[in-house]
């Protein structure tokens, strides 16, 4: 009898289900990325087109772009009928450039994240982020492009806050580390009486001015330069928002950022922590935070996804309580706490 015979009668029933599913998921995501880079969805904004018509407008070979169009139809981002292609309802709403709900500019941000994810093994072996995201060494133009790439996410975050919480009760809100300022601008645009402040490092704050000028509500946003790891913002506010900030910091810096943000709140004021790096205490869910934990390792020396309990501990140390958390449909989360009176 062969020594290699498997004596486990159930071994032949094991399937490569997860392995094959993960293999196919990557090309699907990259097909979407290519379509965003080529602005295919914007091209199909008003009419269904043949692959030849799409190729002509993009000045590319029809045979090549046709492969992409069929792939997009297969994953439900396009519809195909009698050789003509058009946007699905989802693509028409969110991926057509110029529409208020457009999210397609995030493609450069996605490209950077996915390129970083390819280097996870390297980051583990070296002990350092293999795709270091270093804002300090970026040129002004590179930093401006980073801010613009993340701008759509700031707008959608503001929509989520307005939908879930009563921001109309606040007179003053500060957006800490707010990048492009899209979040606080959107809050100001929706709430005419709100006083909004963008707080960020001097260079980022300066570059955000041109983006704010093009963003509805941006003309009502005050800009304060500073480092949240060094000192609290000036003045007192009703609420502070920290979006995608805690997750890029080492634990001790995350605690300091939360403490300094809480210091500028009135008693009873609210602090909102938003991000894709908020984990269950089990560290197994939500899946977005689990896998962003790997991405952060590739990008930042100390960034990580942190558990709900870790956030609660930092908030308690900062004098905040009544901590609540929600997990959004995309796997990102919001933690809300109130400064003790």
C-alpha atoms as a PDB file:
ATOM      1  CA  UNK A   1       0.000   0.000   0.000  1.00  0.00           C
ATOM      2  CA  UNK A   2       1.317   3.451  -0.863  1.00  0.00           C
ATOM      3  CA  UNK A   3       2.601   5.547   2.015  1.00  0.00           C
ATOM      4  CA  UNK A   4       0.969   8.587   0.397  1.00  0.00           C
ATOM      5  CA  UNK A   5      -2.543   7.188   0.686  1.00  0.00           C
ATOM      6  CA  UNK A   6      -4.798   9.597   2.610  1.00  0.00           C
ATOM      7  CA  UNK A   7      -6.593   7.602   5.272  1.00  0.00           C
ATOM      8  CA  UNK A   8      -9.128  10.355   5.973  1.00  0.00           C
ATOM      9  CA  UNK A   9     -12.341   9.363   4.157  1.00  0.00           C
ATOM     10  CA  UNK A  10     -13.606  12.968   4.222  1.00  0.00           C
ATOM     11  CA  UNK A  11     -10.516  14.490   2.608  1.00  0.00           C
ATOM     12  CA  UNK A  12     -11.846  14.061  -0.929  1.00  0.00           C
ATOM     13  CA  UNK A  13     -14.837  16.262  -0.017  1.00  0.00           C
ATOM     14  CA  UNK A  14     -12.698  19.311   0.730  1.00  0.00           C
ATOM     15  CA  UNK A  15     -13.178  21.974  -1.937  1.00  0.00           C
ATOM     16  CA  UNK A  16     -11.064  24.968  -2.907  1.00  0.00           C
ATOM     17  CA  UNK A  17     -14.068  27.232  -2.381  1.00  0.00           C
ATOM     18  CA  UNK A  18     -12.388  30.158  -0.588  1.00  0.00           C
ATOM     19  CA  UNK A  19      -9.193  29.942  -2.631  1.00  0.00           C
ATOM     20  CA  UNK A  20     -11.106  30.137  -5.906  1.00  0.00           C
ATOM     21  CA  UNK A  21     -13.490  32.837  -4.660  1.00  0.00           C
ATOM     22  CA  UNK A  22     -10.586  35.078  -3.648  1.00  0.00           C
ATOM     23  CA  UNK A  23      -8.826  34.503  -6.950  1.00  0.00           C
ATOM     24  CA  UNK A  24     -11.834  35.723  -8.935  1.00  0.00           C
ATOM     25  CA  UNK A  25     -12.552  38.692  -6.645  1.00  0.00           C
ATOM     26  CA  UNK A  26      -9.285  40.457  -7.508  1.00  0.00           C
ATOM     27  CA  UNK A  27      -9.832  40.727 -11.301  1.00  0.00           C
ATOM     28  CA  UNK A  28     -13.384  41.980 -10.737  1.00  0.00           C
ATOM     29  CA  UNK A  29     -12.159  44.841  -8.548  1.00  0.00           C
ATOM     30  CA  UNK A  30      -9.359  45.700 -10.969  1.00  0.00           C
ATOM     31  CA  UNK A  31     -11.812  45.790 -13.894  1.00  0.00           C
ATOM     32  CA  UNK A  32     -13.813  48.406 -11.996  1.00  0.00           C
ATOM     33  CA  UNK A  33     -10.610  50.355 -11.333  1.00  0.00           C
ATOM     34  CA  UNK A  34      -9.721  50.347 -15.038  1.00  0.00           C
ATOM     35  CA  UNK A  35     -13.192  51.599 -15.946  1.00  0.00           C
ATOM     36  CA  UNK A  36     -12.899  54.456 -13.451  1.00  0.00           C
ATOM     37  CA  UNK A  37      -9.488  55.404 -14.812  1.00  0.00           C
ATOM     38  CA  UNK A  38     -10.858  55.438 -18.363  1.00  0.00           C
ATOM     39  CA  UNK A  39     -14.070  57.232 -17.256  1.00  0.00           C
ATOM     40  CA  UNK A  40     -16.175  54.585 -18.997  1.00  0.00           C
ATOM     41  CA  UNK A  41     -19.199  55.235 -16.785  1.00  0.00           C
ATOM     42  CA  UNK A  42     -19.137  58.961 -17.534  1.00  0.00           C
ATOM     43  CA  UNK A  43     -18.926  58.172 -21.242  1.00  0.00           C
ATOM     44  CA  UNK A  44     -22.127  56.139 -20.918  1.00  0.00           C
ATOM     45  CA  UNK A  45     -23.940  58.806 -18.909  1.00  0.00           C
ATOM     46  CA  UNK A  46     -26.584  59.660 -21.479  1.00  0.00           C
ATOM     47  CA  UNK A  47     -26.929  56.717 -23.830  1.00  0.00           C
ATOM     48  CA  UNK A  48     -26.128  53.068 -24.475  1.00  0.00           C
ATOM     49  CA  UNK A  49     -23.186  52.671 -26.834  1.00  0.00           C
ATOM     50  CA  UNK A  50     -21.601  49.863 -28.809  1.00  0.00           C
ATOM     51  CA  UNK A  51     -18.063  48.794 -28.040  1.00  0.00           C
ATOM     52  CA  UNK A  52     -17.008  50.420 -31.320  1.00  0.00           C
ATOM     53  CA  UNK A  53     -18.529  53.741 -30.254  1.00  0.00           C
ATOM     54  CA  UNK A  54     -16.860  53.530 -26.846  1.00  0.00           C
ATOM     55  CA  UNK A  55     -13.525  52.691 -28.488  1.00  0.00           C
ATOM     56  CA  UNK A  56     -13.838  55.625 -30.859  1.00  0.00           C
ATOM     57  CA  UNK A  57     -14.501  58.089 -28.068  1.00  0.00           C
ATOM     58  CA  UNK A  58     -11.622  56.731 -25.980  1.00  0.00           C
ATOM     59  CA  UNK A  59      -9.360  56.420 -29.049  1.00  0.00           C
ATOM     60  CA  UNK A  60      -8.482  52.815 -28.214  1.00  0.00           C
ATOM     61  CA  UNK A  61      -8.800  49.448 -29.951  1.00  0.00           C
ATOM     62  CA  UNK A  62     -12.351  48.113 -29.929  1.00  0.00           C
ATOM     63  CA  UNK A  63     -11.332  44.498 -29.282  1.00  0.00           C
ATOM     64  CA  UNK A  64      -9.547  45.515 -26.105  1.00  0.00           C
ATOM     65  CA  UNK A  65     -12.169  47.800 -24.620  1.00  0.00           C
ATOM     66  CA  UNK A  66     -14.926  45.299 -25.497  1.00  0.00           C
ATOM     67  CA  UNK A  67     -13.349  42.810 -23.100  1.00  0.00           C
ATOM     68  CA  UNK A  68     -13.623  45.363 -20.310  1.00  0.00           C
ATOM     69  CA  UNK A  69     -17.228  46.250 -21.172  1.00  0.00           C
ATOM     70  CA  UNK A  70     -18.339  42.619 -21.040  1.00  0.00           C
ATOM     71  CA  UNK A  71     -16.477  42.153 -17.743  1.00  0.00           C
ATOM     72  CA  UNK A  72     -18.258  45.152 -16.253  1.00  0.00           C
ATOM     73  CA  UNK A  73     -21.583  43.789 -17.454  1.00  0.00           C
ATOM     74  CA  UNK A  74     -20.774  40.435 -15.863  1.00  0.00           C
ATOM     75  CA  UNK A  75     -20.296  42.036 -12.436  1.00  0.00           C
ATOM     76  CA  UNK A  76     -23.399  44.217 -12.722  1.00  0.00           C
ATOM     77  CA  UNK A  77     -21.854  47.654 -13.220  1.00  0.00           C
ATOM     78  CA  UNK A  78     -23.009  47.832 -16.840  1.00  0.00           C
ATOM     79  CA  UNK A  79     -26.063  46.556 -18.663  1.00  0.00           C
ATOM     80  CA  UNK A  80     -25.756  44.950 -22.099  1.00  0.00           C
ATOM     81  CA  UNK A  81     -28.464  44.623 -24.713  1.00  0.00           C
ATOM     82  CA  UNK A  82     -28.062  43.766 -28.405  1.00  0.00           C
ATOM     83  CA  UNK A  83     -24.395  44.697 -28.393  1.00  0.00           C
ATOM     84  CA  UNK A  84     -24.913  48.047 -26.683  1.00  0.00           C
ATOM     85  CA  UNK A  85     -23.709  48.926 -23.202  1.00  0.00           C
ATOM     86  CA  UNK A  86     -25.156  51.273 -20.603  1.00  0.00           C
ATOM     87  CA  UNK A  87     -24.717  52.053 -16.931  1.00  0.00           C
ATOM     88  CA  UNK A  88     -26.454  50.065 -14.240  1.00  0.00           C
ATOM     89  CA  UNK A  89     -28.548  52.127 -11.823  1.00  0.00           C
ATOM     90  CA  UNK A  90     -25.697  52.030  -9.308  1.00  0.00           C
ATOM     91  CA  UNK A  91     -23.074  53.176 -11.821  1.00  0.00           C
ATOM     92  CA  UNK A  92     -25.373  55.896 -13.147  1.00  0.00           C
ATOM     93  CA  UNK A  93     -25.850  57.315  -9.660  1.00  0.00           C
ATOM     94  CA  UNK A  94     -22.355  57.083  -8.224  1.00  0.00           C
ATOM     95  CA  UNK A  95     -19.833  56.705 -11.049  1.00  0.00           C
ATOM     96  CA  UNK A  96     -20.774  59.403 -13.575  1.00  0.00           C
ATOM     97  CA  UNK A  97     -18.497  62.409 -13.326  1.00  0.00           C
ATOM     98  CA  UNK A  98     -20.210  65.710 -12.596  1.00  0.00           C
ATOM     99  CA  UNK A  99     -23.191  64.275 -10.749  1.00  0.00           C
ATOM    100  CA  UNK A 100     -23.638  65.320  -7.090  1.00  0.00           C
ATOM    101  CA  UNK A 101     -23.320  61.737  -5.867  1.00  0.00           C
ATOM    102  CA  UNK A 102     -20.162  60.995  -7.911  1.00  0.00           C
ATOM    103  CA  UNK A 103     -17.612  58.803  -6.099  1.00  0.00           C
ATOM    104  CA  UNK A 104     -15.419  57.873  -9.037  1.00  0.00           C
ATOM    105  CA  UNK A 105     -12.515  60.170  -8.142  1.00  0.00           C
ATOM    106  CA  UNK A 106     -11.659  57.652  -5.435  1.00  0.00           C
ATOM    107  CA  UNK A 107      -9.986  55.479  -8.088  1.00  0.00           C
ATOM    108  CA  UNK A 108      -6.522  56.958  -7.434  1.00  0.00           C
ATOM    109  CA  UNK A 109      -6.952  56.288  -3.723  1.00  0.00           C
ATOM    110  CA  UNK A 110      -8.013  52.706  -4.474  1.00  0.00           C
ATOM    111  CA  UNK A 111      -5.042  52.214  -6.776  1.00  0.00           C
ATOM    112  CA  UNK A 112      -2.683  53.261  -3.992  1.00  0.00           C
ATOM    113  CA  UNK A 113      -4.375  51.042  -1.410  1.00  0.00           C
ATOM    114  CA  UNK A 114      -4.410  47.976  -3.639  1.00  0.00           C
ATOM    115  CA  UNK A 115      -0.812  48.504  -4.707  1.00  0.00           C
ATOM    116  CA  UNK A 116       0.108  48.618  -1.024  1.00  0.00           C
ATOM    117  CA  UNK A 117      -1.799  45.409  -0.341  1.00  0.00           C
ATOM    118  CA  UNK A 118       0.457  43.563  -2.781  1.00  0.00           C
ATOM    119  CA  UNK A 119       3.362  44.178  -0.397  1.00  0.00           C
ATOM    120  CA  UNK A 120       1.962  42.675   2.812  1.00  0.00           C
ATOM    121  CA  UNK A 121       4.475  39.843   2.992  1.00  0.00           C
ATOM    122  CA  UNK A 122       7.291  42.337   2.452  1.00  0.00           C
ATOM    123  CA  UNK A 123       6.036  44.542   5.291  1.00  0.00           C
ATOM    124  CA  UNK A 124       5.851  41.556   7.625  1.00  0.00           C
ATOM    125  CA  UNK A 125       9.367  40.361   6.762  1.00  0.00           C
ATOM    126  CA  UNK A 126      11.006  43.777   7.000  1.00  0.00           C
ATOM    127  CA  UNK A 127       9.106  45.028  10.036  1.00  0.00           C
ATOM    128  CA  UNK A 128       8.460  48.301   8.212  1.00  0.00           C
ATOM    129  CA  UNK A 129       5.697  49.605   5.908  1.00  0.00           C
ATOM    130  CA  UNK A 130       6.745  48.533   2.410  1.00  0.00           C
ATOM    131  CA  UNK A 131       4.524  51.166   0.767  1.00  0.00           C
ATOM    132  CA  UNK A 132       5.118  53.981   3.234  1.00  0.00           C
ATOM    133  CA  UNK A 133       2.540  56.758   2.912  1.00  0.00           C
ATOM    134  CA  UNK A 134       4.630  59.735   3.992  1.00  0.00           C
ATOM    135  CA  UNK A 135       2.774  63.033   3.724  1.00  0.00           C
ATOM    136  CA  UNK A 136       5.790  64.990   4.973  1.00  0.00           C
ATOM    137  CA  UNK A 137       7.996  63.985   2.036  1.00  0.00           C
ATOM    138  CA  UNK A 138       5.330  64.500  -0.638  1.00  0.00           C
ATOM    139  CA  UNK A 139       5.513  67.545  -2.879  1.00  0.00           C
ATOM    140  CA  UNK A 140       2.685  70.069  -2.716  1.00  0.00           C
ATOM    141  CA  UNK A 141       1.243  68.673  -5.938  1.00  0.00           C
ATOM    142  CA  UNK A 142       1.452  65.086  -4.689  1.00  0.00           C
ATOM    143  CA  UNK A 143      -0.225  66.066  -1.420  1.00  0.00           C
ATOM    144  CA  UNK A 144      -2.919  67.999  -3.290  1.00  0.00           C
ATOM    145  CA  UNK A 145      -3.639  64.910  -5.390  1.00  0.00           C
ATOM    146  CA  UNK A 146      -3.850  62.779  -2.245  1.00  0.00           C
ATOM    147  CA  UNK A 147      -6.372  65.181  -0.744  1.00  0.00           C
ATOM    148  CA  UNK A 148      -8.427  65.220  -3.944  1.00  0.00           C
ATOM    149  CA  UNK A 149      -8.336  61.419  -4.158  1.00  0.00           C
ATOM    150  CA  UNK A 150      -9.792  61.134  -0.658  1.00  0.00           C
ATOM    151  CA  UNK A 151     -12.270  63.995  -1.148  1.00  0.00           C
ATOM    152  CA  UNK A 152     -15.210  61.802  -2.316  1.00  0.00           C
ATOM    153  CA  UNK A 153     -14.964  59.761   0.873  1.00  0.00           C
ATOM    154  CA  UNK A 154     -15.209  62.920   2.987  1.00  0.00           C
ATOM    155  CA  UNK A 155     -18.409  63.903   1.195  1.00  0.00           C
ATOM    156  CA  UNK A 156     -20.034  60.496   1.666  1.00  0.00           C
ATOM    157  CA  UNK A 157     -18.995  60.502   5.342  1.00  0.00           C
ATOM    158  CA  UNK A 158     -20.801  63.815   5.844  1.00  0.00           C
ATOM    159  CA  UNK A 159     -23.934  62.388   4.240  1.00  0.00           C
ATOM    160  CA  UNK A 160     -23.780  59.437   6.629  1.00  0.00           C
ATOM    161  CA  UNK A 161     -23.443  61.699   9.659  1.00  0.00           C
ATOM    162  CA  UNK A 162     -26.337  63.904   8.569  1.00  0.00           C
ATOM    163  CA  UNK A 163     -28.520  60.870   7.955  1.00  0.00           C
ATOM    164  CA  UNK A 164     -27.830  59.247  11.310  1.00  0.00           C
ATOM    165  CA  UNK A 165     -27.350  62.094  13.781  1.00  0.00           C
ATOM    166  CA  UNK A 166     -28.907  65.458  14.649  1.00  0.00           C
ATOM    167  CA  UNK A 167     -26.121  67.823  13.672  1.00  0.00           C
ATOM    168  CA  UNK A 168     -28.652  70.632  13.499  1.00  0.00           C
ATOM    169  CA  UNK A 169     -28.416  70.936  17.289  1.00  0.00           C
ATOM    170  CA  UNK A 170     -24.767  72.004  17.105  1.00  0.00           C
ATOM    171  CA  UNK A 171     -23.610  75.586  16.653  1.00  0.00           C
ATOM    172  CA  UNK A 172     -19.925  74.769  16.127  1.00  0.00           C
ATOM    173  CA  UNK A 173     -18.250  71.641  14.712  1.00  0.00           C
ATOM    174  CA  UNK A 174     -14.519  71.080  14.176  1.00  0.00           C
ATOM    175  CA  UNK A 175     -13.182  68.572  11.652  1.00  0.00           C
ATOM    176  CA  UNK A 176      -9.868  67.341  13.085  1.00  0.00           C
ATOM    177  CA  UNK A 177      -7.352  66.149  10.497  1.00  0.00           C
ATOM    178  CA  UNK A 178     -10.045  66.733   7.910  1.00  0.00           C
ATOM    179  CA  UNK A 179      -7.826  66.702   4.818  1.00  0.00           C
ATOM    180  CA  UNK A 180      -9.698  68.293   1.925  1.00  0.00           C
ATOM    181  CA  UNK A 181     -12.366  69.696   4.258  1.00  0.00           C
ATOM    182  CA  UNK A 182     -15.141  68.056   2.270  1.00  0.00           C
ATOM    183  CA  UNK A 183     -16.842  66.682   5.369  1.00  0.00           C
ATOM    184  CA  UNK A 184     -17.131  69.941   7.266  1.00  0.00           C
ATOM    185  CA  UNK A 185     -18.027  71.833   4.079  1.00  0.00           C
ATOM    186  CA  UNK A 186     -20.894  69.425   3.417  1.00  0.00           C
ATOM    187  CA  UNK A 187     -22.141  69.827   6.989  1.00  0.00           C
ATOM    188  CA  UNK A 188     -22.075  73.619   6.589  1.00  0.00           C
ATOM    189  CA  UNK A 189     -23.852  73.387   3.239  1.00  0.00           C
ATOM    190  CA  UNK A 190     -26.657  71.351   4.793  1.00  0.00           C
ATOM    191  CA  UNK A 191     -26.907  73.433   7.986  1.00  0.00           C
ATOM    192  CA  UNK A 192     -26.978  77.206   7.306  1.00  0.00           C
ATOM    193  CA  UNK A 193     -26.410  78.184  10.950  1.00  0.00           C
ATOM    194  CA  UNK A 194     -23.457  75.883  11.577  1.00  0.00           C
ATOM    195  CA  UNK A 195     -20.003  77.322  12.243  1.00  0.00           C
ATOM    196  CA  UNK A 196     -17.490  74.856  10.788  1.00  0.00           C
ATOM    197  CA  UNK A 197     -13.735  74.639  11.287  1.00  0.00           C
ATOM    198  CA  UNK A 198     -11.164  72.522   9.481  1.00  0.00           C
ATOM    199  CA  UNK A 199      -8.158  71.704  11.688  1.00  0.00           C
ATOM    200  CA  UNK A 200      -5.091  70.174  10.058  1.00  0.00           C
ATOM    201  CA  UNK A 201      -1.341  70.426   9.669  1.00  0.00           C
ATOM    202  CA  UNK A 202      -0.271  73.736   8.087  1.00  0.00           C
ATOM    203  CA  UNK A 203       0.599  72.416   4.624  1.00  0.00           C
ATOM    204  CA  UNK A 204      -2.512  70.250   4.305  1.00  0.00           C
ATOM    205  CA  UNK A 205      -4.703  73.081   5.578  1.00  0.00           C
ATOM    206  CA  UNK A 206      -3.216  75.474   3.031  1.00  0.00           C
ATOM    207  CA  UNK A 207      -3.718  73.071   0.126  1.00  0.00           C
ATOM    208  CA  UNK A 208      -7.304  72.388   1.212  1.00  0.00           C
ATOM    209  CA  UNK A 209      -8.291  75.992   0.499  1.00  0.00           C
ATOM    210  CA  UNK A 210      -8.538  75.485  -3.263  1.00  0.00           C
ATOM    211  CA  UNK A 211     -10.576  72.285  -2.812  1.00  0.00           C
ATOM    212  CA  UNK A 212     -12.916  74.008  -0.359  1.00  0.00           C
ATOM    213  CA  UNK A 213     -13.442  76.824  -2.862  1.00  0.00           C
ATOM    214  CA  UNK A 214     -14.944  74.284  -5.267  1.00  0.00           C
ATOM    215  CA  UNK A 215     -17.009  72.432  -2.642  1.00  0.00           C
ATOM    216  CA  UNK A 216     -20.551  73.537  -1.721  1.00  0.00           C
ATOM    217  CA  UNK A 217     -20.404  75.010   1.784  1.00  0.00           C
ATOM    218  CA  UNK A 218     -16.637  75.406   1.628  1.00  0.00           C
ATOM    219  CA  UNK A 219     -16.831  79.203   1.697  1.00  0.00           C
ATOM    220  CA  UNK A 220     -18.238  78.973   5.248  1.00  0.00           C
ATOM    221  CA  UNK A 221     -15.439  76.821   6.659  1.00  0.00           C
ATOM    222  CA  UNK A 222     -12.825  78.425   8.874  1.00  0.00           C
ATOM    223  CA  UNK A 223      -9.333  76.924   8.716  1.00  0.00           C
ATOM    224  CA  UNK A 224      -7.094  76.455  11.745  1.00  0.00           C
ATOM    225  CA  UNK A 225      -3.551  75.177  11.375  1.00  0.00           C
ATOM    226  CA  UNK A 226      -2.063  72.959  14.059  1.00  0.00           C
ATOM    227  CA  UNK A 227      -0.896  69.497  15.091  1.00  0.00           C
ATOM    228  CA  UNK A 228      -3.453  67.509  17.060  1.00  0.00           C
ATOM    229  CA  UNK A 229      -0.641  65.423  18.572  1.00  0.00           C
ATOM    230  CA  UNK A 230       0.940  68.551  20.073  1.00  0.00           C
ATOM    231  CA  UNK A 231      -1.918  70.696  21.369  1.00  0.00           C
ATOM    232  CA  UNK A 232      -5.720  71.004  21.284  1.00  0.00           C
ATOM    233  CA  UNK A 233      -7.379  73.294  18.743  1.00  0.00           C
ATOM    234  CA  UNK A 234      -8.223  76.802  19.874  1.00  0.00           C
ATOM    235  CA  UNK A 235     -11.718  77.663  21.034  1.00  0.00           C
ATOM    236  CA  UNK A 236     -14.559  75.503  22.271  1.00  0.00           C
ATOM    237  CA  UNK A 237     -16.857  73.484  20.013  1.00  0.00           C
ATOM    238  CA  UNK A 238     -20.074  71.500  20.336  1.00  0.00           C
ATOM    239  CA  UNK A 239     -18.730  68.529  18.365  1.00  0.00           C
ATOM    240  CA  UNK A 240     -15.471  67.222  16.949  1.00  0.00           C
ATOM    241  CA  UNK A 241     -15.177  64.807  14.037  1.00  0.00           C
ATOM    242  CA  UNK A 242     -12.109  62.602  13.534  1.00  0.00           C
ATOM    243  CA  UNK A 243     -12.463  60.822  10.192  1.00  0.00           C
ATOM    244  CA  UNK A 244      -9.796  58.345   9.062  1.00  0.00           C
ATOM    245  CA  UNK A 245      -7.386  59.808  11.612  1.00  0.00           C
ATOM    246  CA  UNK A 246      -7.141  57.406  14.541  1.00  0.00           C
ATOM    247  CA  UNK A 247      -6.463  54.465  12.229  1.00  0.00           C
ATOM    248  CA  UNK A 248      -3.268  55.983  10.778  1.00  0.00           C
ATOM    249  CA  UNK A 249      -1.698  56.565  14.207  1.00  0.00           C
ATOM    250  CA  UNK A 250       0.211  54.396  16.660  1.00  0.00           C
ATOM    251  CA  UNK A 251      -1.745  53.622  19.873  1.00  0.00           C
ATOM    252  CA  UNK A 252      -0.095  56.300  22.018  1.00  0.00           C
ATOM    253  CA  UNK A 253      -0.638  58.910  19.288  1.00  0.00           C
ATOM    254  CA  UNK A 254      -4.249  57.808  18.809  1.00  0.00           C
ATOM    255  CA  UNK A 255      -4.841  58.337  22.530  1.00  0.00           C
ATOM    256  CA  UNK A 256      -3.234  61.797  22.364  1.00  0.00           C
ATOM    257  CA  UNK A 257      -5.259  62.840  19.308  1.00  0.00           C
ATOM    258  CA  UNK A 258      -8.488  61.845  21.041  1.00  0.00           C
ATOM    259  CA  UNK A 259      -7.491  63.614  24.260  1.00  0.00           C
ATOM    260  CA  UNK A 260      -6.597  66.860  22.482  1.00  0.00           C
ATOM    261  CA  UNK A 261      -9.789  66.725  20.409  1.00  0.00           C
ATOM    262  CA  UNK A 262     -11.897  66.224  23.526  1.00  0.00           C
ATOM    263  CA  UNK A 263     -10.125  69.170  25.167  1.00  0.00           C
ATOM    264  CA  UNK A 264     -11.717  71.598  22.709  1.00  0.00           C
ATOM    265  CA  UNK A 265     -15.270  70.375  23.444  1.00  0.00           C
ATOM    266  CA  UNK A 266     -17.714  71.984  25.803  1.00  0.00           C
ATOM    267  CA  UNK A 267     -19.025  69.734  28.623  1.00  0.00           C
ATOM    268  CA  UNK A 268     -21.604  67.459  27.038  1.00  0.00           C
ATOM    269  CA  UNK A 269     -20.084  67.985  23.601  1.00  0.00           C
ATOM    270  CA  UNK A 270     -19.803  65.072  21.188  1.00  0.00           C
ATOM    271  CA  UNK A 271     -16.828  63.393  19.568  1.00  0.00           C
ATOM    272  CA  UNK A 272     -17.333  61.321  16.412  1.00  0.00           C
ATOM    273  CA  UNK A 273     -14.650  58.880  15.292  1.00  0.00           C
ATOM    274  CA  UNK A 274     -15.164  57.572  11.754  1.00  0.00           C
ATOM    275  CA  UNK A 275     -13.105  55.116   9.790  1.00  0.00           C
ATOM    276  CA  UNK A 276     -12.599  51.785   8.118  1.00  0.00           C
ATOM    277  CA  UNK A 277     -10.409  50.610  10.995  1.00  0.00           C
ATOM    278  CA  UNK A 278     -12.901  49.984  13.805  1.00  0.00           C
ATOM    279  CA  UNK A 279     -12.863  46.332  14.862  1.00  0.00           C
ATOM    280  CA  UNK A 280     -15.079  44.168  17.000  1.00  0.00           C
ATOM    281  CA  UNK A 281     -13.276  43.115  20.160  1.00  0.00           C
ATOM    282  CA  UNK A 282     -12.906  39.642  18.617  1.00  0.00           C
ATOM    283  CA  UNK A 283     -10.745  41.219  15.856  1.00  0.00           C
ATOM    284  CA  UNK A 284     -12.572  39.003  13.327  1.00  0.00           C
ATOM    285  CA  UNK A 285     -15.133  41.534  12.098  1.00  0.00           C
ATOM    286  CA  UNK A 286     -16.152  43.607  10.294  1.00  0.00           C
ATOM    287  CA  UNK A 287     -14.215  42.252   7.348  1.00  0.00           C
ATOM    288  CA  UNK A 288     -13.394  45.735   6.057  1.00  0.00           C
ATOM    289  CA  UNK A 289     -11.556  46.599   9.271  1.00  0.00           C
ATOM    290  CA  UNK A 290      -9.860  43.193   9.424  1.00  0.00           C
ATOM    291  CA  UNK A 291      -8.318  43.607   5.982  1.00  0.00           C
ATOM    292  CA  UNK A 292      -7.651  47.333   6.288  1.00  0.00           C
ATOM    293  CA  UNK A 293      -5.507  46.324   9.257  1.00  0.00           C
ATOM    294  CA  UNK A 294      -3.136  44.763   6.723  1.00  0.00           C
ATOM    295  CA  UNK A 295      -3.285  47.815   4.458  1.00  0.00           C
ATOM    296  CA  UNK A 296      -2.426  50.143   7.346  1.00  0.00           C
ATOM    297  CA  UNK A 297       0.593  47.971   8.152  1.00  0.00           C
ATOM    298  CA  UNK A 298       1.854  48.505   4.601  1.00  0.00           C
ATOM    299  CA  UNK A 299       1.274  52.266   4.643  1.00  0.00           C
ATOM    300  CA  UNK A 300       2.014  53.577   8.137  1.00  0.00           C
ATOM    301  CA  UNK A 301       4.673  52.890  10.795  1.00  0.00           C
ATOM    302  CA  UNK A 302       2.065  52.710  13.554  1.00  0.00           C
ATOM    303  CA  UNK A 303      -1.362  52.729  11.899  1.00  0.00           C
ATOM    304  CA  UNK A 304      -3.796  49.914  12.619  1.00  0.00           C
ATOM    305  CA  UNK A 305      -7.415  48.918  12.957  1.00  0.00           C
ATOM    306  CA  UNK A 306      -8.351  49.272  16.623  1.00  0.00           C
ATOM    307  CA  UNK A 307     -11.040  47.504  18.612  1.00  0.00           C
ATOM    308  CA  UNK A 308     -14.133  49.103  20.071  1.00  0.00           C
ATOM    309  CA  UNK A 309     -12.705  48.488  23.553  1.00  0.00           C
ATOM    310  CA  UNK A 310      -9.454  50.270  22.662  1.00  0.00           C
ATOM    311  CA  UNK A 311     -11.395  53.295  21.413  1.00  0.00           C
ATOM    312  CA  UNK A 312     -13.562  53.268  24.551  1.00  0.00           C
ATOM    313  CA  UNK A 313     -10.473  53.196  26.757  1.00  0.00           C
ATOM    314  CA  UNK A 314      -8.904  56.198  25.004  1.00  0.00           C
ATOM    315  CA  UNK A 315     -12.189  58.091  25.171  1.00  0.00           C
ATOM    316  CA  UNK A 316     -12.575  57.368  28.892  1.00  0.00           C
ATOM    317  CA  UNK A 317      -9.026  58.619  29.520  1.00  0.00           C
ATOM    318  CA  UNK A 318      -9.961  61.792  27.620  1.00  0.00           C
ATOM    319  CA  UNK A 319     -12.952  62.374  29.907  1.00  0.00           C
ATOM    320  CA  UNK A 320     -15.631  61.060  27.549  1.00  0.00           C
ATOM    321  CA  UNK A 321     -18.331  58.487  28.162  1.00  0.00           C
ATOM    322  CA  UNK A 322     -21.631  57.110  26.858  1.00  0.00           C
ATOM    323  CA  UNK A 323     -19.762  55.442  23.987  1.00  0.00           C
ATOM    324  CA  UNK A 324     -21.865  54.067  21.119  1.00  0.00           C
ATOM    325  CA  UNK A 325     -20.818  52.411  17.891  1.00  0.00           C
ATOM    326  CA  UNK A 326     -22.473  51.649  14.583  1.00  0.00           C
ATOM    327  CA  UNK A 327     -21.101  49.581  11.718  1.00  0.00           C
ATOM    328  CA  UNK A 328     -22.049  50.796   8.253  1.00  0.00           C
ATOM    329  CA  UNK A 329     -23.010  48.661   5.273  1.00  0.00           C
ATOM    330  CA  UNK A 330     -19.534  49.015   3.750  1.00  0.00           C
ATOM    331  CA  UNK A 331     -17.887  47.753   6.944  1.00  0.00           C
ATOM    332  CA  UNK A 332     -16.566  51.096   8.143  1.00  0.00           C
ATOM    333  CA  UNK A 333     -17.784  52.422  11.458  1.00  0.00           C
ATOM    334  CA  UNK A 334     -18.697  55.384  13.622  1.00  0.00           C
ATOM    335  CA  UNK A 335     -17.989  55.706  17.334  1.00  0.00           C
ATOM    336  CA  UNK A 336     -19.835  58.469  19.184  1.00  0.00           C
ATOM    337  CA  UNK A 337     -19.041  59.581  22.716  1.00  0.00           C
ATOM    338  CA  UNK A 338     -19.877  62.595  24.900  1.00  0.00           C
ATOM    339  CA  UNK A 339     -17.571  64.696  27.029  1.00  0.00           C
ATOM    340  CA  UNK A 340     -18.434  64.292  30.687  1.00  0.00           C
ATOM    341  CA  UNK A 341     -20.132  67.274  32.281  1.00  0.00           C
END
